[in-house]
Amino acid sequence: CGNGGTTADNEEAAKSIKVTVNGELAS
């Protein structure tokens, strides 16, 4: 999915996060 936003000088990455859920997206 790409860098999780740890590079401060990359404006796009700085606004991108990764999160988890414990079940599938069904619909």
PDB file of all heavy atoms in Angstrom:
ATOM      1  N   CYS A   1       0.816  -1.207   0.000  1.00  0.00           N
ATOM      2  CA  CYS A   1       0.000   0.000   0.000  1.00  0.00           C
ATOM      3  C   CYS A   1       0.851   1.259   0.000  1.00  0.00           C
ATOM      4  O   CYS A   1       0.346   2.363  -0.179  1.00  0.00           O
ATOM      5  CB  CYS A   1      -0.916   0.029   1.232  1.00  0.00           C
ATOM      6  SG  CYS A   1      -2.116  -1.312   1.243  1.00  0.00           S
ATOM      7  N   GLY A   2       2.163   1.111   0.261  1.00  0.00           N
ATOM      8  CA  GLY A   2       3.030   2.286   0.273  1.00  0.00           C
ATOM      9  C   GLY A   2       3.395   2.672   1.680  1.00  0.00           C
ATOM     10  O   GLY A   2       2.974   2.084   2.655  1.00  0.00           O
ATOM     11  N   ASN A   3       4.227   3.709   1.815  1.00  0.00           N
ATOM     12  CA  ASN A   3       4.685   4.191   3.114  1.00  0.00           C
ATOM     13  C   ASN A   3       3.522   4.701   3.934  1.00  0.00           C
ATOM     14  O   ASN A   3       2.649   5.381   3.430  1.00  0.00           O
ATOM     15  CB  ASN A   3       5.713   5.307   2.899  1.00  0.00           C
ATOM     16  CG  ASN A   3       6.399   5.690   4.195  1.00  0.00           C
ATOM     17  OD1 ASN A   3       5.767   6.214   5.092  1.00  0.00           O
ATOM     18  ND2 ASN A   3       7.695   5.411   4.265  1.00  0.00           N
ATOM     19  N   GLY A   4       3.511   4.398   5.218  1.00  0.00           N
ATOM     20  CA  GLY A   4       2.391   4.748   6.082  1.00  0.00           C
ATOM     21  C   GLY A   4       2.428   6.132   6.636  1.00  0.00           C
ATOM     22  O   GLY A   4       1.778   6.418   7.632  1.00  0.00           O
ATOM     23  N   GLY A   5       3.209   7.037   6.062  1.00  0.00           N
ATOM     24  CA  GLY A   5       3.171   8.408   6.532  1.00  0.00           C
ATOM     25  C   GLY A   5       4.297   8.743   7.468  1.00  0.00           C
ATOM     26  O   GLY A   5       4.212   9.693   8.246  1.00  0.00           O
ATOM     27  N   THR A   6       5.420   8.004   7.424  1.00  0.00           N
ATOM     28  CA  THR A   6       6.522   8.271   8.326  1.00  0.00           C
ATOM     29  C   THR A   6       7.537   9.228   7.733  1.00  0.00           C
ATOM     30  O   THR A   6       8.456   9.643   8.410  1.00  0.00           O
ATOM     31  CB  THR A   6       7.224   6.953   8.691  1.00  0.00           C
ATOM     32  OG1 THR A   6       7.688   6.322   7.487  1.00  0.00           O
ATOM     33  CG2 THR A   6       6.268   6.013   9.414  1.00  0.00           C
ATOM     34  N   THR A   7       7.404   9.609   6.471  1.00  0.00           N
ATOM     35  CA  THR A   7       8.332  10.524   5.834  1.00  0.00           C
ATOM     36  C   THR A   7       7.772  11.929   5.871  1.00  0.00           C
ATOM     37  O   THR A   7       6.830  12.259   5.168  1.00  0.00           O
ATOM     38  CB  THR A   7       8.592  10.099   4.362  1.00  0.00           C
ATOM     39  OG1 THR A   7       9.034   8.753   4.353  1.00  0.00           O
ATOM     40  CG2 THR A   7       9.633  10.992   3.735  1.00  0.00           C
ATOM     41  N   ALA A   8       8.397  12.775   6.701  1.00  0.00           N
ATOM     42  CA  ALA A   8       7.817  14.089   6.957  1.00  0.00           C
ATOM     43  C   ALA A   8       7.885  15.004   5.750  1.00  0.00           C
ATOM     44  O   ALA A   8       7.032  15.872   5.576  1.00  0.00           O
ATOM     45  CB  ALA A   8       8.528  14.738   8.147  1.00  0.00           C
ATOM     46  N   ASP A   9       8.923  14.823   4.901  1.00  0.00           N
ATOM     47  CA  ASP A   9       9.052  15.755   3.786  1.00  0.00           C
ATOM     48  C   ASP A   9       8.210  15.356   2.586  1.00  0.00           C
ATOM     49  O   ASP A   9       8.230  16.001   1.550  1.00  0.00           O
ATOM     50  CB  ASP A   9      10.521  15.895   3.367  1.00  0.00           C
ATOM     51  CG  ASP A   9      11.128  14.561   2.959  1.00  0.00           C
ATOM     52  OD1 ASP A   9      10.408  13.540   3.021  1.00  0.00           O
ATOM     53  OD2 ASP A   9      12.319  14.545   2.594  1.00  0.00           O
ATOM     54  N   ASN A  10       7.437  14.287   2.696  1.00  0.00           N
ATOM     55  CA  ASN A  10       6.542  13.872   1.620  1.00  0.00           C
ATOM     56  C   ASN A  10       5.131  14.238   2.039  1.00  0.00           C
ATOM     57  O   ASN A  10       4.521  13.573   2.869  1.00  0.00           O
ATOM     58  CB  ASN A  10       6.657  12.359   1.407  1.00  0.00           C
ATOM     59  CG  ASN A  10       5.825  11.881   0.232  1.00  0.00           C
ATOM     60  OD1 ASN A  10       4.764  12.426  -0.051  1.00  0.00           O
ATOM     61  ND2 ASN A  10       6.306  10.837  -0.427  1.00  0.00           N
ATOM     62  N   GLU A  11       4.579  15.316   1.496  1.00  0.00           N
ATOM     63  CA  GLU A  11       3.285  15.838   1.941  1.00  0.00           C
ATOM     64  C   GLU A  11       2.177  14.823   1.756  1.00  0.00           C
ATOM     65  O   GLU A  11       1.324  14.656   2.613  1.00  0.00           O
ATOM     66  CB  GLU A  11       2.950  17.116   1.174  1.00  0.00           C
ATOM     67  CG  GLU A  11       1.647  17.781   1.594  1.00  0.00           C
ATOM     68  CD  GLU A  11       1.676  18.264   3.031  1.00  0.00           C
ATOM     69  OE1 GLU A  11       2.773  18.498   3.557  1.00  0.00           O
ATOM     70  OE2 GLU A  11       0.594  18.381   3.622  1.00  0.00           O
ATOM     71  N   GLU A  12       2.216  14.089   0.634  1.00  0.00           N
ATOM     72  CA  GLU A  12       1.152  13.105   0.386  1.00  0.00           C
ATOM     73  C   GLU A  12       1.225  11.985   1.412  1.00  0.00           C
ATOM     74  O   GLU A  12       0.226  11.584   1.978  1.00  0.00           O
ATOM     75  CB  GLU A  12       1.283  12.549  -1.025  1.00  0.00           C
ATOM     76  CG  GLU A  12       0.176  11.564  -1.365  1.00  0.00           C
ATOM     77  CD  GLU A  12       0.253  11.072  -2.803  1.00  0.00           C
ATOM     78  OE1 GLU A  12       1.095  11.582  -3.565  1.00  0.00           O
ATOM     79  OE2 GLU A  12      -0.541  10.177  -3.148  1.00  0.00           O
ATOM     80  N   ALA A  13       2.445  11.478   1.694  1.00  0.00           N
ATOM     81  CA  ALA A  13       2.588  10.397   2.655  1.00  0.00           C
ATOM     82  C   ALA A  13       2.195  10.845   4.049  1.00  0.00           C
ATOM     83  O   ALA A  13       1.660  10.075   4.831  1.00  0.00           O
ATOM     84  CB  ALA A  13       4.023   9.880   2.647  1.00  0.00           C
ATOM     85  N   ALA A  14       2.458  12.116   4.357  1.00  0.00           N
ATOM     86  CA  ALA A  14       2.166  12.617   5.695  1.00  0.00           C
ATOM     87  C   ALA A  14       0.680  12.618   5.987  1.00  0.00           C
ATOM     88  O   ALA A  14       0.269  12.708   7.140  1.00  0.00           O
ATOM     89  CB  ALA A  14       2.732  14.022   5.863  1.00  0.00           C
ATOM     90  N   LYS A  15      -0.130  12.542   4.947  1.00  0.00           N
ATOM     91  CA  LYS A  15      -1.575  12.526   5.140  1.00  0.00           C
ATOM     92  C   LYS A  15      -2.181  11.160   4.819  1.00  0.00           C
ATOM     93  O   LYS A  15      -3.370  11.044   4.604  1.00  0.00           O
ATOM     94  CB  LYS A  15      -2.223  13.607   4.274  1.00  0.00           C
ATOM     95  CG  LYS A  15      -1.731  15.027   4.571  1.00  0.00           C
ATOM     96  CD  LYS A  15      -1.979  15.418   6.028  1.00  0.00           C
ATOM     97  CE  LYS A  15      -1.499  16.826   6.296  1.00  0.00           C
ATOM     98  NZ  LYS A  15      -1.657  17.221   7.706  1.00  0.00           N
ATOM     99  N   SER A  16      -1.327  10.133   4.799  1.00  0.00           N
ATOM    100  CA  SER A  16      -1.790   8.781   4.509  1.00  0.00           C
ATOM    101  C   SER A  16      -1.532   7.899   5.722  1.00  0.00           C
ATOM    102  O   SER A  16      -0.439   7.909   6.284  1.00  0.00           O
ATOM    103  CB  SER A  16      -1.051   8.218   3.290  1.00  0.00           C
ATOM    104  OG  SER A  16      -1.387   6.864   3.068  1.00  0.00           O
ATOM    105  N   ILE A  17      -2.553   7.166   6.148  1.00  0.00           N
ATOM    106  CA  ILE A  17      -2.405   6.291   7.308  1.00  0.00           C
ATOM    107  C   ILE A  17      -2.865   4.880   6.969  1.00  0.00           C
ATOM    108  O   ILE A  17      -3.561   4.667   5.978  1.00  0.00           O
ATOM    109  CB  ILE A  17      -3.214   6.818   8.514  1.00  0.00           C
ATOM    110  CG1 ILE A  17      -4.724   6.822   8.202  1.00  0.00           C
ATOM    111  CG2 ILE A  17      -2.729   8.199   8.934  1.00  0.00           C
ATOM    112  CD1 ILE A  17      -5.601   7.116   9.402  1.00  0.00           C
ATOM    113  N   LYS A  18      -2.446   3.938   7.814  1.00  0.00           N
ATOM    114  CA  LYS A  18      -2.869   2.544   7.685  1.00  0.00           C
ATOM    115  C   LYS A  18      -3.479   2.109   9.001  1.00  0.00           C
ATOM    116  O   LYS A  18      -2.939   2.377  10.076  1.00  0.00           O
ATOM    117  CB  LYS A  18      -1.692   1.642   7.323  1.00  0.00           C
ATOM    118  CG  LYS A  18      -1.074   1.959   5.975  1.00  0.00           C
ATOM    119  CD  LYS A  18       0.040   0.977   5.651  1.00  0.00           C
ATOM    120  CE  LYS A  18       0.675   1.317   4.315  1.00  0.00           C
ATOM    121  NZ  LYS A  18       1.481   2.555   4.407  1.00  0.00           N
ATOM    122  N   VAL A  19      -4.613   1.418   8.917  1.00  0.00           N
ATOM    123  CA  VAL A  19      -5.345   1.001  10.107  1.00  0.00           C
ATOM    124  C   VAL A  19      -5.815  -0.436   9.919  1.00  0.00           C
ATOM    125  O   VAL A  19      -5.879  -0.930   8.792  1.00  0.00           O
ATOM    126  CB  VAL A  19      -6.556   1.927  10.361  1.00  0.00           C
ATOM    127  CG1 VAL A  19      -6.120   3.384  10.431  1.00  0.00           C
ATOM    128  CG2 VAL A  19      -7.629   1.753   9.290  1.00  0.00           C
ATOM    129  N   THR A  20      -6.147  -1.094  11.027  1.00  0.00           N
ATOM    130  CA  THR A  20      -6.635  -2.467  10.933  1.00  0.00           C
ATOM    131  C   THR A  20      -8.072  -2.562  11.432  1.00  0.00           C
ATOM    132  O   THR A  20      -8.535  -1.762  12.243  1.00  0.00           O
ATOM    133  CB  THR A  20      -5.781  -3.444  11.762  1.00  0.00           C
ATOM    134  OG1 THR A  20      -5.850  -3.094  13.146  1.00  0.00           O
ATOM    135  CG2 THR A  20      -4.340  -3.445  11.292  1.00  0.00           C
ATOM    136  N   VAL A  21      -8.768  -3.566  10.934  1.00  0.00           N
ATOM    137  CA  VAL A  21     -10.067  -3.983  11.451  1.00  0.00           C
ATOM    138  C   VAL A  21     -10.016  -5.500  11.572  1.00  0.00           C
ATOM    139  O   VAL A  21      -9.189  -6.160  10.949  1.00  0.00           O
ATOM    140  CB  VAL A  21     -11.226  -3.563  10.525  1.00  0.00           C
ATOM    141  CG1 VAL A  21     -11.451  -2.067  10.581  1.00  0.00           C
ATOM    142  CG2 VAL A  21     -10.966  -4.006   9.089  1.00  0.00           C
ATOM    143  N   ASN A  22     -10.906  -6.075  12.399  1.00  0.00           N
ATOM    144  CA  ASN A  22     -10.812  -7.516  12.648  1.00  0.00           C
ATOM    145  C   ASN A  22     -11.824  -8.343  11.865  1.00  0.00           C
ATOM    146  O   ASN A  22     -12.072  -9.495  12.199  1.00  0.00           O
ATOM    147  CB  ASN A  22     -10.938  -7.811  14.146  1.00  0.00           C
ATOM    148  CG  ASN A  22     -12.261  -7.356  14.718  1.00  0.00           C
ATOM    149  OD1 ASN A  22     -13.192  -7.031  13.982  1.00  0.00           O
ATOM    150  ND2 ASN A  22     -12.360  -7.326  16.040  1.00  0.00           N
ATOM    151  N   GLY A  23     -12.390  -7.749  10.818  1.00  0.00           N
ATOM    152  CA  GLY A  23     -13.320  -8.495   9.980  1.00  0.00           C
ATOM    153  C   GLY A  23     -13.315  -7.963   8.565  1.00  0.00           C
ATOM    154  O   GLY A  23     -12.836  -6.850   8.293  1.00  0.00           O
ATOM    155  N   GLU A  24     -13.865  -8.748   7.653  1.00  0.00           N
ATOM    156  CA  GLU A  24     -13.904  -8.356   6.255  1.00  0.00           C
ATOM    157  C   GLU A  24     -14.902  -7.228   6.009  1.00  0.00           C
ATOM    158  O   GLU A  24     -15.865  -7.060   6.746  1.00  0.00           O
ATOM    159  CB  GLU A  24     -14.300  -9.549   5.375  1.00  0.00           C
ATOM    160  CG  GLU A  24     -13.402 -10.756   5.515  1.00  0.00           C
ATOM    161  CD  GLU A  24     -13.917 -11.778   6.508  1.00  0.00           C
ATOM    162  OE1 GLU A  24     -14.546 -11.369   7.515  1.00  0.00           O
ATOM    163  OE2 GLU A  24     -13.683 -12.977   6.300  1.00  0.00           O
ATOM    164  N   LEU A  25     -14.659  -6.472   4.961  1.00  0.00           N
ATOM    165  CA  LEU A  25     -15.659  -5.554   4.419  1.00  0.00           C
ATOM    166  C   LEU A  25     -16.575  -6.397   3.542  1.00  0.00           C
ATOM    167  O   LEU A  25     -16.165  -6.922   2.514  1.00  0.00           O
ATOM    168  CB  LEU A  25     -14.982  -4.445   3.604  1.00  0.00           C
ATOM    169  CG  LEU A  25     -15.891  -3.524   2.784  1.00  0.00           C
ATOM    170  CD1 LEU A  25     -16.916  -2.831   3.669  1.00  0.00           C
ATOM    171  CD2 LEU A  25     -15.054  -2.491   2.031  1.00  0.00           C
ATOM    172  N   ALA A  26     -17.822  -6.535   3.973  1.00  0.00           N
ATOM    173  CA  ALA A  26     -18.741  -7.439   3.277  1.00  0.00           C
ATOM    174  C   ALA A  26     -19.458  -6.752   2.127  1.00  0.00           C
ATOM    175  O   ALA A  26     -19.730  -7.371   1.096  1.00  0.00           O
ATOM    176  CB  ALA A  26     -19.764  -8.008   4.257  1.00  0.00           C
ATOM    177  N   SER A  27     -19.786  -5.473   2.282  1.00  0.00           N
ATOM    178  CA  SER A  27     -20.558  -4.772   1.261  1.00  0.00           C
ATOM    179  C   SER A  27     -20.467  -3.276   1.499  1.00  0.00           C
ATOM    180  O   SER A  27     -20.273  -2.815   2.627  1.00  0.00           O
ATOM    181  CB  SER A  27     -22.028  -5.212   1.307  1.00  0.00           C
ATOM    182  OG  SER A  27     -22.823  -4.429   0.432  1.00  0.00           O
TER     183      SER A  27
END
